[in-house]
Structures are given as C-alpha cells and as structure tokens.
Amino acid sequence: MSRITIVVDNQTARGLAVEHGLALVIDSSAVRFLFDTGAGAALLPNVAALGIATDSLRRVVLSHGHYDHTGGLAALAAAEPGLAVFAAPGVTQQRYSCHPGQPARELTMPENCRHALETAAERHEIAAFTEIAPQVFLTGPIPRRSGEDCGGPFFLDSACQKPDLLMDEQALLLGDGTLVQGCCHSGIINTLEYCRQCAPHIPVRTLVGGLHLRHATPERLRQTADYLLGLNLRQLVLLHCTGEAASAYLQEKLHCPVHVARSGETYEC
C-alpha cells in the first residue's frame, strides 16, 4: 500500500499556500519521493505547514518541464543540496503556450531551477521504462498511439511555429497499482496502455494527478470515460489541470470513487 500527500495544488483543504502547480509526496513501501515541485512559492511553506521534513524529500521526480511542475526545485535544492532528481530527456527546453487571440506565454522551467537540476548531487535521465527503486517505476517518454487528442497550444518557440509534443513527460507507477501523473499531456489512454505493455503484471487500480481535460471535447471525455470503465479501478484522485467539468463528468460516468482533491489531503492507495 502507498500513501500520497498533496502538497501543492490549485486548491487547498487546509489553508495552505495555493498556486497553479502540483507537488505530491509519495510514500511507497520502500521509499519516499517528491513528485513535482509546484510553481515555486508554495512548496517549502506547505511542506513546513504539513510537518514534512525537507531532508526526507531528497528524491525528486519531475513529470515534465513546465514551470508549474518544476518551479520549486531551486528552493528545495537550496534547503537540501543532496538531491537526486529523475527527469526525462528534454525537460529543460524552452516552452510556450499560445491560446487564440492571446500573446505567447512562456512555460519554461525557471533558470534557477534548471541550474539546480544541472548541479544536483544525482541527476538521472530516464529515457525508457525504468525501475528506480523497489517496485517504483518511471515510464520515461510515453508513445502516442491511442488516437486520443493529446494536443494543445504548446510550442517550442515564442513565434508559436514549432509544436511541442511534450515528449519529456513521464508518469510514475507503483507496484501496488497506483499510477501518478503530473498533467498527462500524453493522454491517459496512451499512458495506461504503455504501462500495460511495460509492466503487464501490475494492473493499475488507482489514478492520481492531473488529466489535462479542462478543454477536452465531448468526444475526448466520452473516449476517456469509456476506456476507464473497462478497468477495474478502485479510485481516481483528480488534481490541478483536470478541470471541473471533466471531473464532474467522470464522477457521473465511472463506478469507482472519483475524488476532486486539494492540497493538505492524504490518500491511501
């Protein structure tokens, strides 16, 4: 059994600092990981408010290179210099979003956080499905095979001419069947199918994290719900970028508990 504490999210249950970002403390049977670091300002205050010792957060997984998942890395590295950081290739690329009628907005990992990554005591580049601790796996880059709409207004240049497929995104799979993702830019169907391919002996039973369905079309929501209905899920713990309408839709369609989670909450998986 694993335990997941939500440290940073867009919403809070306990008066914690709120920001558009995500950070989770994951306690598996073998080891503790910090999964993502939020946008920056909320991580260390919330860690302190929750009574979590920073020296227990020396193993850090970065789900992808957007600032709202990497922005707290520099502050944590300053507090705990001996970090071991796990990230996929390409995590430090320049990133932008460009919504119709709006100027380009930079999403890149902050410069001080990139420096913290480059000078970390241990930097592990995860290029393929890898066991990083007993019964703790990182997917590395996730193939896009399902046909689900995994796009978005993401680009590698400020002129918004070079699409960013966010191939540095990775998810974390625990041996008890818990799957954790940051934003799921790869698509939850692609992610689950890749885990099934790489670890067929681990049936996923709990999904935790953002599913990036805020702007999903009705067809994508239906496709997602139909796929999830085919799994024997115990629970979903939805966060960050899932979206209120998508969360409500999944609560209506799925047969398992679907939690709209907030920072300060802890879930047993």
Foldseek 3Di string as FASTA:
>chain_A
DKKKAWQEFQFADPPADYDLAGWIWIGDPWAIEIEFQALADRRPRSCVVLVHDLQRHQEYEQQAQFNRRQNNQLVSCVVPVQHAYEWAPPRQAWKWFDDPPDAIDTGGHDPSSVVSQVRHNHYHHDQAWDDPTVQKIKGAFFDQDPPFPLAHRMARDRVSPHGDQRRRGIWMAGQQQEIEGEAQSSAPVSRQVSCCVVPVVRAHAEYEYHRQCQPPDPVNLVVVLVVVQVGNHAEYEHGNRNHDVSQVSNCVRHDHYYHPDHHPDMDDD
